[in-house]
Amino acid sequence: MKTESTNEQDPLGSGVMSNDLIKALIDNYRQNQMNAINETMGITDSNSIWFDLPKLKRFISQIEHEGKKIHPECAEEDLGIRFYYAAYPKIENWDIMESHPVPQEYSERHTLVMVPTLKKESEDGEVVHFDFNSIPGKDKEPRNLSLSAKGIHPPKGIGENQGTLSPPASSTGMF
């Protein structure tokens, strides 16, 4: 069965890219989106984020564990991670970061938020990768991002984003 992790050019499903292609894609981002952000906002935005392998392994393990709790019949292929582009708030709004301490020098810079997904059929029969994270709403009760309508009640807050941004961290060793 063909899944999102396989394709004709890469039968092992590894997604391996050449260094030349990686460099070209990164340069394209830096010359276009990053320059536009920097010029428009008057900042030096981040162009990468680094996560250590143990953190990623723990996150994946947690997704597998919580996915089975939500939907015991789910297969490994039904689980995934959605990467949301995000940005840290301005310094004057930094109080929202109180429960998730990161350096204030990250203010206004790009980040990634990783949210677990579960492949399920939607109400109209389409197979969809639903986010299965939940966020406390204003009333402090969990507000499921997308699965509550399907009767699936996910755990609170298993999204992840605490990596190291560059800049401000050194870009030594990067493309």
N, C-alpha and C. Protein backbone atom coordinates (compact mmCIF):
# COMPACT_ATOMS: atom_id res chain seq x y z
N MET A 1 0.85 -1.18 0.00
CA MET A 1 0.00 0.00 0.00
C MET A 1 0.89 1.24 0.00
N LYS A 2 0.58 2.18 -0.87
CA LYS A 2 1.35 3.42 -0.94
C LYS A 2 0.86 4.38 0.13
N THR A 3 1.76 4.94 0.90
CA THR A 3 1.41 5.89 1.93
C THR A 3 2.16 7.18 1.69
N GLU A 4 1.96 8.17 2.57
CA GLU A 4 2.64 9.45 2.46
C GLU A 4 4.16 9.29 2.58
N SER A 5 4.62 8.20 3.15
CA SER A 5 6.05 8.03 3.38
C SER A 5 6.75 7.28 2.25
N THR A 6 6.04 7.02 1.14
CA THR A 6 6.68 6.36 0.01
C THR A 6 6.39 7.13 -1.27
N ASN A 7 7.27 6.99 -2.25
CA ASN A 7 7.02 7.54 -3.57
C ASN A 7 7.81 6.75 -4.60
N GLU A 8 7.53 7.01 -5.87
CA GLU A 8 8.15 6.24 -6.95
C GLU A 8 9.67 6.42 -7.01
N GLN A 9 10.17 7.65 -6.82
CA GLN A 9 11.59 7.92 -6.93
C GLN A 9 12.38 7.42 -5.72
N ASP A 10 11.71 7.21 -4.63
CA ASP A 10 12.37 6.82 -3.39
C ASP A 10 11.63 5.63 -2.79
N PRO A 11 11.85 4.42 -3.33
CA PRO A 11 11.07 3.25 -2.91
C PRO A 11 11.24 2.91 -1.43
N LEU A 12 12.32 3.34 -0.80
CA LEU A 12 12.49 3.06 0.62
C LEU A 12 11.71 4.04 1.49
N GLY A 13 11.17 5.10 0.88
CA GLY A 13 10.38 6.05 1.64
C GLY A 13 11.19 6.92 2.57
N SER A 14 12.47 7.05 2.29
CA SER A 14 13.34 7.78 3.22
C SER A 14 13.26 9.29 3.06
N GLY A 15 12.81 9.78 1.92
CA GLY A 15 12.75 11.22 1.70
C GLY A 15 14.11 11.86 1.54
N VAL A 16 15.13 11.07 1.25
CA VAL A 16 16.50 11.58 1.13
C VAL A 16 16.57 12.60 0.02
N MET A 17 17.21 13.72 0.29
CA MET A 17 17.41 14.80 -0.68
C MET A 17 18.91 14.99 -0.87
N SER A 18 19.29 15.44 -2.04
CA SER A 18 20.70 15.74 -2.27
C SER A 18 21.08 17.02 -1.52
N ASN A 19 22.36 17.14 -1.20
CA ASN A 19 22.84 18.36 -0.55
C ASN A 19 22.60 19.58 -1.43
N ASP A 20 22.75 19.43 -2.74
CA ASP A 20 22.52 20.55 -3.65
C ASP A 20 21.08 21.03 -3.58
N LEU A 21 20.13 20.09 -3.54
CA LEU A 21 18.72 20.48 -3.45
C LEU A 21 18.43 21.12 -2.10
N ILE A 22 18.95 20.54 -1.03
CA ILE A 22 18.74 21.12 0.30
C ILE A 22 19.24 22.56 0.32
N LYS A 23 20.46 22.77 -0.15
CA LYS A 23 21.05 24.12 -0.16
C LYS A 23 20.21 25.07 -1.02
N ALA A 24 19.76 24.62 -2.19
CA ALA A 24 18.96 25.46 -3.07
C ALA A 24 17.65 25.87 -2.40
N LEU A 25 16.98 24.94 -1.73
CA LEU A 25 15.72 25.25 -1.05
C LEU A 25 15.94 26.22 0.11
N ILE A 26 16.99 26.01 0.88
CA ILE A 26 17.30 26.90 2.00
C ILE A 26 17.64 28.30 1.48
N ASP A 27 18.47 28.37 0.45
CA ASP A 27 18.83 29.67 -0.14
C ASP A 27 17.60 30.38 -0.68
N ASN A 28 16.69 29.64 -1.31
CA ASN A 28 15.47 30.22 -1.83
C ASN A 28 14.65 30.86 -0.70
N TYR A 29 14.51 30.16 0.41
CA TYR A 29 13.80 30.72 1.56
C TYR A 29 14.48 31.99 2.06
N ARG A 30 15.78 31.92 2.25
CA ARG A 30 16.52 33.08 2.77
C ARG A 30 16.43 34.29 1.85
N GLN A 31 16.49 34.06 0.53
CA GLN A 31 16.46 35.17 -0.43
C GLN A 31 15.05 35.74 -0.62
N ASN A 32 14.04 34.97 -0.31
CA ASN A 32 12.67 35.43 -0.55
C ASN A 32 11.91 35.68 0.75
N GLN A 33 11.39 34.64 1.37
CA GLN A 33 10.57 34.81 2.56
C GLN A 33 11.33 35.49 3.70
N MET A 34 12.54 35.03 3.99
CA MET A 34 13.28 35.59 5.12
C MET A 34 13.62 37.06 4.89
N ASN A 35 14.09 37.39 3.68
CA ASN A 35 14.38 38.79 3.38
C ASN A 35 13.13 39.65 3.49
N ALA A 36 11.99 39.16 2.99
CA ALA A 36 10.74 39.92 3.08
C ALA A 36 10.35 40.16 4.54
N ILE A 37 10.47 39.14 5.36
CA ILE A 37 10.15 39.28 6.78
C ILE A 37 11.09 40.29 7.44
N ASN A 38 12.38 40.11 7.22
CA ASN A 38 13.36 41.00 7.85
C ASN A 38 13.15 42.46 7.43
N GLU A 39 12.92 42.69 6.14
CA GLU A 39 12.72 44.06 5.66
C GLU A 39 11.41 44.65 6.16
N THR A 40 10.34 43.88 6.11
CA THR A 40 9.03 44.37 6.52
C THR A 40 8.96 44.63 8.03
N MET A 41 9.52 43.70 8.81
CA MET A 41 9.42 43.80 10.27
C MET A 41 10.61 44.51 10.90
N GLY A 42 11.68 44.67 10.14
CA GLY A 42 12.87 45.32 10.69
C GLY A 42 13.58 44.48 11.75
N ILE A 43 13.58 43.17 11.55
CA ILE A 43 14.23 42.26 12.50
C ILE A 43 15.19 41.35 11.76
N THR A 44 15.98 40.59 12.48
CA THR A 44 16.77 39.50 11.91
C THR A 44 16.10 38.23 12.38
N ASP A 45 15.28 37.67 11.51
CA ASP A 45 14.49 36.49 11.88
C ASP A 45 15.36 35.24 11.89
N SER A 46 14.89 34.22 12.56
CA SER A 46 15.56 32.93 12.57
C SER A 46 15.31 32.24 11.24
N ASN A 47 16.27 31.39 10.84
CA ASN A 47 16.07 30.62 9.62
C ASN A 47 16.20 29.13 9.87
N SER A 48 16.40 28.76 11.13
CA SER A 48 16.43 27.33 11.46
C SER A 48 16.10 27.15 12.94
N ILE A 49 15.74 25.93 13.26
CA ILE A 49 15.51 25.55 14.65
C ILE A 49 16.08 24.15 14.82
N TRP A 50 16.78 23.92 15.92
CA TRP A 50 17.44 22.64 16.17
C TRP A 50 16.80 21.99 17.38
N PHE A 51 16.54 20.68 17.27
CA PHE A 51 16.03 19.86 18.36
C PHE A 51 16.99 18.71 18.57
N ASP A 52 17.28 18.39 19.83
CA ASP A 52 18.16 17.24 20.06
C ASP A 52 17.37 15.95 19.86
N LEU A 53 18.07 14.90 19.47
CA LEU A 53 17.46 13.62 19.15
C LEU A 53 16.67 13.02 20.32
N PRO A 54 17.19 13.04 21.56
CA PRO A 54 16.39 12.48 22.66
C PRO A 54 15.04 13.18 22.82
N LYS A 55 14.98 14.51 22.63
CA LYS A 55 13.71 15.22 22.74
C LYS A 55 12.74 14.75 21.66
N LEU A 56 13.24 14.60 20.42
CA LEU A 56 12.38 14.14 19.34
C LEU A 56 11.89 12.71 19.58
N LYS A 57 12.78 11.85 20.07
CA LYS A 57 12.38 10.46 20.36
C LYS A 57 11.31 10.41 21.46
N ARG A 58 11.48 11.24 22.50
CA ARG A 58 10.47 11.28 23.57
C ARG A 58 9.13 11.76 23.02
N PHE A 59 9.18 12.77 22.16
CA PHE A 59 7.96 13.32 21.58
C PHE A 59 7.26 12.26 20.73
N ILE A 60 8.01 11.55 19.90
CA ILE A 60 7.43 10.50 19.06
C ILE A 60 6.86 9.38 19.93
N SER A 61 7.56 8.99 20.96
CA SER A 61 7.07 7.96 21.88
C SER A 61 5.77 8.40 22.54
N GLN A 62 5.71 9.66 22.93
CA GLN A 62 4.49 10.19 23.55
C GLN A 62 3.33 10.18 22.56
N ILE A 63 3.60 10.53 21.30
CA ILE A 63 2.56 10.50 20.27
C ILE A 63 2.03 9.08 20.11
N GLU A 64 2.93 8.11 20.04
CA GLU A 64 2.51 6.71 19.89
C GLU A 64 1.66 6.27 21.08
N HIS A 65 2.09 6.61 22.27
CA HIS A 65 1.37 6.24 23.49
C HIS A 65 -0.01 6.89 23.54
N GLU A 66 -0.05 8.20 23.33
CA GLU A 66 -1.33 8.92 23.41
C GLU A 66 -2.24 8.56 22.24
N GLY A 67 -1.66 8.31 21.07
CA GLY A 67 -2.46 7.90 19.92
C GLY A 67 -3.21 6.61 20.19
N LYS A 68 -2.54 5.66 20.84
CA LYS A 68 -3.18 4.38 21.19
C LYS A 68 -4.28 4.58 22.24
N LYS A 69 -4.07 5.55 23.14
CA LYS A 69 -5.11 5.83 24.14
C LYS A 69 -6.35 6.43 23.49
N ILE A 70 -6.13 7.29 22.50
CA ILE A 70 -7.24 7.94 21.82
C ILE A 70 -7.96 6.97 20.90
N HIS A 71 -7.19 6.17 20.15
CA HIS A 71 -7.75 5.27 19.16
C HIS A 71 -6.94 3.97 19.19
N PRO A 72 -7.33 3.02 20.05
CA PRO A 72 -6.54 1.80 20.25
C PRO A 72 -6.21 1.00 18.99
N GLU A 73 -7.04 1.11 17.95
CA GLU A 73 -6.79 0.36 16.73
C GLU A 73 -5.84 1.07 15.78
N CYS A 74 -5.36 2.25 16.11
CA CYS A 74 -4.54 3.00 15.15
C CYS A 74 -3.21 2.29 14.91
N ALA A 75 -2.80 2.33 13.65
CA ALA A 75 -1.50 1.77 13.26
C ALA A 75 -0.47 2.89 13.27
N GLU A 76 0.79 2.52 13.27
CA GLU A 76 1.87 3.51 13.24
C GLU A 76 1.69 4.47 12.06
N GLU A 77 1.24 3.96 10.92
CA GLU A 77 1.04 4.77 9.73
C GLU A 77 -0.08 5.80 9.89
N ASP A 78 -0.93 5.62 10.90
CA ASP A 78 -2.03 6.56 11.14
C ASP A 78 -1.58 7.78 11.94
N LEU A 79 -0.39 7.72 12.49
CA LEU A 79 0.11 8.81 13.33
C LEU A 79 1.11 9.66 12.56
N GLY A 80 1.19 10.91 12.91
CA GLY A 80 2.14 11.80 12.26
C GLY A 80 2.39 13.03 13.09
N ILE A 81 3.14 13.94 12.54
CA ILE A 81 3.43 15.22 13.19
C ILE A 81 3.19 16.31 12.16
N ARG A 82 2.38 17.30 12.52
CA ARG A 82 2.19 18.47 11.68
C ARG A 82 3.10 19.57 12.23
N PHE A 83 3.88 20.20 11.35
CA PHE A 83 4.76 21.29 11.73
C PHE A 83 4.07 22.60 11.36
N TYR A 84 3.71 23.39 12.37
CA TYR A 84 3.12 24.70 12.13
C TYR A 84 4.21 25.76 12.20
N TYR A 85 4.22 26.66 11.21
CA TYR A 85 5.08 27.84 11.32
C TYR A 85 4.44 28.73 12.37
N ALA A 86 5.26 29.29 13.22
CA ALA A 86 4.74 30.15 14.28
C ALA A 86 5.75 31.26 14.54
N ALA A 87 5.37 32.21 15.36
CA ALA A 87 6.27 33.31 15.72
C ALA A 87 6.07 33.65 17.19
N TYR A 88 7.15 33.91 17.86
CA TYR A 88 7.08 34.33 19.25
C TYR A 88 6.52 35.75 19.33
N PRO A 89 5.91 36.10 20.46
CA PRO A 89 5.30 37.43 20.58
C PRO A 89 6.35 38.53 20.74
N LYS A 90 5.88 39.76 20.60
CA LYS A 90 6.72 40.92 20.89
C LYS A 90 7.03 40.93 22.38
N ILE A 91 8.12 41.57 22.74
CA ILE A 91 8.54 41.64 24.16
C ILE A 91 7.40 42.13 25.05
N GLU A 92 6.66 43.16 24.61
CA GLU A 92 5.59 43.71 25.45
C GLU A 92 4.46 42.72 25.70
N ASN A 93 4.40 41.64 24.95
CA ASN A 93 3.39 40.59 25.15
C ASN A 93 4.00 39.29 25.66
N TRP A 94 5.22 39.36 26.17
CA TRP A 94 5.97 38.17 26.55
C TRP A 94 5.33 37.40 27.71
N ASP A 95 4.43 38.01 28.46
CA ASP A 95 3.81 37.33 29.59
C ASP A 95 3.08 36.05 29.18
N ILE A 96 2.63 35.94 27.91
CA ILE A 96 1.98 34.70 27.49
C ILE A 96 2.96 33.53 27.44
N MET A 97 4.26 33.83 27.50
CA MET A 97 5.29 32.78 27.46
C MET A 97 5.65 32.27 28.85
N GLU A 98 5.00 32.78 29.87
CA GLU A 98 5.34 32.44 31.26
C GLU A 98 5.38 30.94 31.52
N SER A 99 4.43 30.19 30.96
CA SER A 99 4.38 28.74 31.21
C SER A 99 5.30 27.96 30.28
N HIS A 100 5.94 28.64 29.36
CA HIS A 100 6.80 27.98 28.38
C HIS A 100 8.05 28.84 28.20
N PRO A 101 8.94 28.79 29.18
CA PRO A 101 10.07 29.73 29.17
C PRO A 101 11.06 29.48 28.03
N VAL A 102 11.24 30.52 27.24
CA VAL A 102 12.27 30.56 26.20
C VAL A 102 12.94 31.92 26.31
N PRO A 103 14.13 32.07 25.79
CA PRO A 103 14.83 33.36 25.90
C PRO A 103 14.04 34.50 25.24
N GLN A 104 14.02 35.65 25.88
CA GLN A 104 13.31 36.79 25.32
C GLN A 104 13.92 37.25 23.99
N GLU A 105 15.17 36.89 23.74
CA GLU A 105 15.79 37.26 22.47
C GLU A 105 15.12 36.54 21.29
N TYR A 106 14.23 35.59 21.56
CA TYR A 106 13.47 34.91 20.52
C TYR A 106 12.26 35.75 20.07
N SER A 107 12.00 36.86 20.75
CA SER A 107 10.86 37.71 20.46
C SER A 107 10.72 38.00 18.97
N GLU A 108 9.54 37.78 18.44
CA GLU A 108 9.13 38.04 17.06
C GLU A 108 9.76 37.11 16.03
N ARG A 109 10.58 36.16 16.45
CA ARG A 109 11.23 35.27 15.48
C ARG A 109 10.35 34.06 15.18
N HIS A 110 10.63 33.48 14.01
CA HIS A 110 9.99 32.23 13.59
C HIS A 110 10.27 31.12 14.60
N THR A 111 9.35 30.19 14.68
CA THR A 111 9.58 28.94 15.37
C THR A 111 8.71 27.89 14.69
N LEU A 112 8.84 26.67 15.11
CA LEU A 112 7.97 25.60 14.66
C LEU A 112 7.23 25.06 15.87
N VAL A 113 5.98 24.74 15.68
CA VAL A 113 5.21 24.05 16.71
C VAL A 113 4.83 22.71 16.10
N MET A 114 5.22 21.64 16.78
CA MET A 114 4.90 20.30 16.31
C MET A 114 3.66 19.80 17.05
N VAL A 115 2.68 19.36 16.29
CA VAL A 115 1.43 18.87 16.87
C VAL A 115 1.18 17.47 16.31
N PRO A 116 0.88 16.51 17.17
CA PRO A 116 0.61 15.16 16.68
C PRO A 116 -0.68 15.10 15.87
N THR A 117 -0.69 14.18 14.90
CA THR A 117 -1.88 13.98 14.09
C THR A 117 -2.28 12.51 14.10
N LEU A 118 -3.55 12.29 13.85
CA LEU A 118 -4.11 10.95 13.76
C LEU A 118 -4.95 10.89 12.49
N LYS A 119 -4.65 9.92 11.63
CA LYS A 119 -5.39 9.76 10.38
C LYS A 119 -6.73 9.10 10.68
N LYS A 120 -7.80 9.81 10.31
CA LYS A 120 -9.16 9.31 10.52
C LYS A 120 -10.01 9.74 9.34
N GLU A 121 -11.14 9.11 9.22
CA GLU A 121 -12.10 9.51 8.19
C GLU A 121 -12.93 10.68 8.71
N SER A 122 -13.08 11.70 7.88
CA SER A 122 -13.88 12.86 8.27
C SER A 122 -15.37 12.54 8.10
N GLU A 123 -16.22 13.47 8.50
CA GLU A 123 -17.66 13.26 8.42
C GLU A 123 -18.12 13.04 6.98
N ASP A 124 -17.39 13.61 6.01
CA ASP A 124 -17.77 13.43 4.61
C ASP A 124 -17.02 12.28 3.93
N GLY A 125 -16.34 11.44 4.72
CA GLY A 125 -15.69 10.25 4.20
C GLY A 125 -14.27 10.43 3.71
N GLU A 126 -13.74 11.64 3.79
CA GLU A 126 -12.37 11.90 3.37
C GLU A 126 -11.40 11.48 4.47
N VAL A 127 -10.30 10.82 4.10
CA VAL A 127 -9.28 10.45 5.08
C VAL A 127 -8.42 11.69 5.33
N VAL A 128 -8.38 12.10 6.60
CA VAL A 128 -7.74 13.36 6.99
C VAL A 128 -6.78 13.12 8.14
N HIS A 129 -5.72 13.88 8.18
CA HIS A 129 -4.78 13.86 9.30
C HIS A 129 -5.25 14.93 10.30
N PHE A 130 -5.98 14.50 11.33
CA PHE A 130 -6.51 15.42 12.33
C PHE A 130 -5.45 15.72 13.39
N ASP A 131 -5.33 17.00 13.78
CA ASP A 131 -4.52 17.35 14.95
C ASP A 131 -5.19 16.71 16.15
N PHE A 132 -4.40 16.11 17.05
CA PHE A 132 -5.06 15.57 18.24
C PHE A 132 -4.52 16.16 19.52
N ASN A 133 -4.06 17.35 19.44
CA ASN A 133 -3.66 18.10 20.62
C ASN A 133 -4.89 18.84 21.15
N SER A 134 -4.87 19.22 22.39
CA SER A 134 -5.96 20.05 22.90
C SER A 134 -5.34 21.20 23.69
N ILE A 135 -6.04 22.31 23.69
CA ILE A 135 -5.55 23.53 24.33
C ILE A 135 -6.61 24.02 25.29
N PRO A 136 -6.22 24.39 26.52
CA PRO A 136 -7.24 24.94 27.43
C PRO A 136 -7.82 26.22 26.84
N GLY A 137 -9.13 26.32 26.82
CA GLY A 137 -9.79 27.54 26.36
C GLY A 137 -9.85 28.56 27.48
N LYS A 138 -10.58 29.64 27.23
CA LYS A 138 -10.69 30.71 28.23
C LYS A 138 -11.28 30.20 29.54
N ASP A 139 -12.14 29.17 29.44
CA ASP A 139 -12.76 28.62 30.64
C ASP A 139 -11.89 27.55 31.30
N LYS A 140 -10.66 27.40 30.82
CA LYS A 140 -9.66 26.46 31.34
C LYS A 140 -9.98 25.01 31.06
N GLU A 141 -11.06 24.73 30.34
CA GLU A 141 -11.38 23.38 29.95
C GLU A 141 -10.66 23.08 28.63
N PRO A 142 -10.24 21.84 28.40
CA PRO A 142 -9.58 21.53 27.13
C PRO A 142 -10.49 21.84 25.95
N ARG A 143 -9.92 22.44 24.93
CA ARG A 143 -10.63 22.73 23.69
C ARG A 143 -9.89 21.96 22.61
N ASN A 144 -10.48 20.87 22.15
CA ASN A 144 -9.81 20.04 21.16
C ASN A 144 -9.73 20.77 19.84
N LEU A 145 -8.58 20.69 19.19
CA LEU A 145 -8.40 21.40 17.94
C LEU A 145 -9.29 20.86 16.84
N SER A 146 -9.44 19.54 16.73
CA SER A 146 -10.25 19.06 15.62
C SER A 146 -10.92 17.71 15.83
N LEU A 147 -10.56 16.95 16.82
CA LEU A 147 -11.11 15.60 16.94
C LEU A 147 -12.34 15.49 17.84
N SER A 148 -12.65 16.51 18.62
CA SER A 148 -13.75 16.38 19.57
C SER A 148 -15.07 16.08 18.86
N ALA A 149 -15.26 16.61 17.68
CA ALA A 149 -16.49 16.35 16.93
C ALA A 149 -16.62 14.88 16.56
N LYS A 150 -15.50 14.18 16.51
CA LYS A 150 -15.51 12.76 16.18
C LYS A 150 -15.60 11.88 17.43
N GLY A 151 -15.79 12.50 18.59
CA GLY A 151 -15.88 11.74 19.83
C GLY A 151 -14.53 11.29 20.36
N ILE A 152 -13.48 11.87 19.88
CA ILE A 152 -12.13 11.52 20.34
C ILE A 152 -11.67 12.61 21.28
N HIS A 153 -11.25 12.22 22.45
CA HIS A 153 -10.86 13.20 23.47
C HIS A 153 -9.38 13.05 23.80
N PRO A 154 -8.56 13.90 23.17
CA PRO A 154 -7.11 13.78 23.32
C PRO A 154 -6.60 14.30 24.64
N PRO A 155 -5.35 14.00 24.96
CA PRO A 155 -4.71 14.52 26.16
C PRO A 155 -4.44 16.01 26.00
N LYS A 156 -4.15 16.66 27.10
CA LYS A 156 -3.82 18.08 27.04
C LYS A 156 -2.37 18.27 26.65
N GLY A 157 -2.15 19.27 25.81
CA GLY A 157 -0.85 19.83 25.54
C GLY A 157 0.31 18.91 25.24
N ILE A 158 0.28 18.15 24.14
CA ILE A 158 1.48 17.39 23.82
C ILE A 158 2.18 17.95 22.59
N GLY A 159 1.90 19.21 22.26
CA GLY A 159 2.65 19.88 21.21
C GLY A 159 4.06 20.17 21.71
N GLU A 160 4.96 20.45 20.79
CA GLU A 160 6.37 20.68 21.15
C GLU A 160 6.92 21.80 20.29
N ASN A 161 7.75 22.67 20.88
CA ASN A 161 8.46 23.63 20.07
C ASN A 161 9.76 24.10 20.68
N GLN A 162 10.14 23.60 21.80
CA GLN A 162 11.29 24.16 22.49
C GLN A 162 12.60 23.63 21.91
N GLY A 163 13.00 24.24 20.80
CA GLY A 163 14.27 23.96 20.17
C GLY A 163 15.17 25.19 20.30
N THR A 164 16.28 25.17 19.60
CA THR A 164 17.23 26.28 19.62
C THR A 164 17.16 27.01 18.29
N LEU A 165 16.79 28.30 18.32
CA LEU A 165 16.67 29.10 17.12
C LEU A 165 18.03 29.66 16.68
N SER A 166 18.19 29.73 15.36
CA SER A 166 19.38 30.38 14.80
C SER A 166 18.96 31.28 13.66
N PRO A 167 19.29 32.61 13.71
CA PRO A 167 19.78 33.28 14.90
C PRO A 167 18.69 33.32 15.96
N PRO A 168 19.04 33.55 17.20
CA PRO A 168 20.26 34.15 17.72
C PRO A 168 21.41 33.18 17.92
N ALA A 169 21.17 31.87 17.97
CA ALA A 169 22.29 30.93 18.14
C ALA A 169 23.20 30.98 16.91
N SER A 170 24.40 30.55 17.07
CA SER A 170 25.40 30.53 15.99
C SER A 170 24.94 29.69 14.82
N SER A 171 25.29 30.10 13.62
CA SER A 171 24.95 29.33 12.42
C SER A 171 26.13 28.44 11.97
N THR A 172 27.15 28.34 12.80
CA THR A 172 28.29 27.48 12.48
C THR A 172 27.80 26.03 12.30
N GLY A 173 28.26 25.39 11.24
CA GLY A 173 27.89 24.00 10.98
C GLY A 173 26.64 23.83 10.16
N MET A 174 26.00 24.93 9.74
CA MET A 174 24.74 24.83 8.98
C MET A 174 24.99 25.09 7.50
N PHE A 175 23.99 24.73 6.66
CA PHE A 175 24.04 25.04 5.23
C PHE A 175 24.07 26.52 5.03
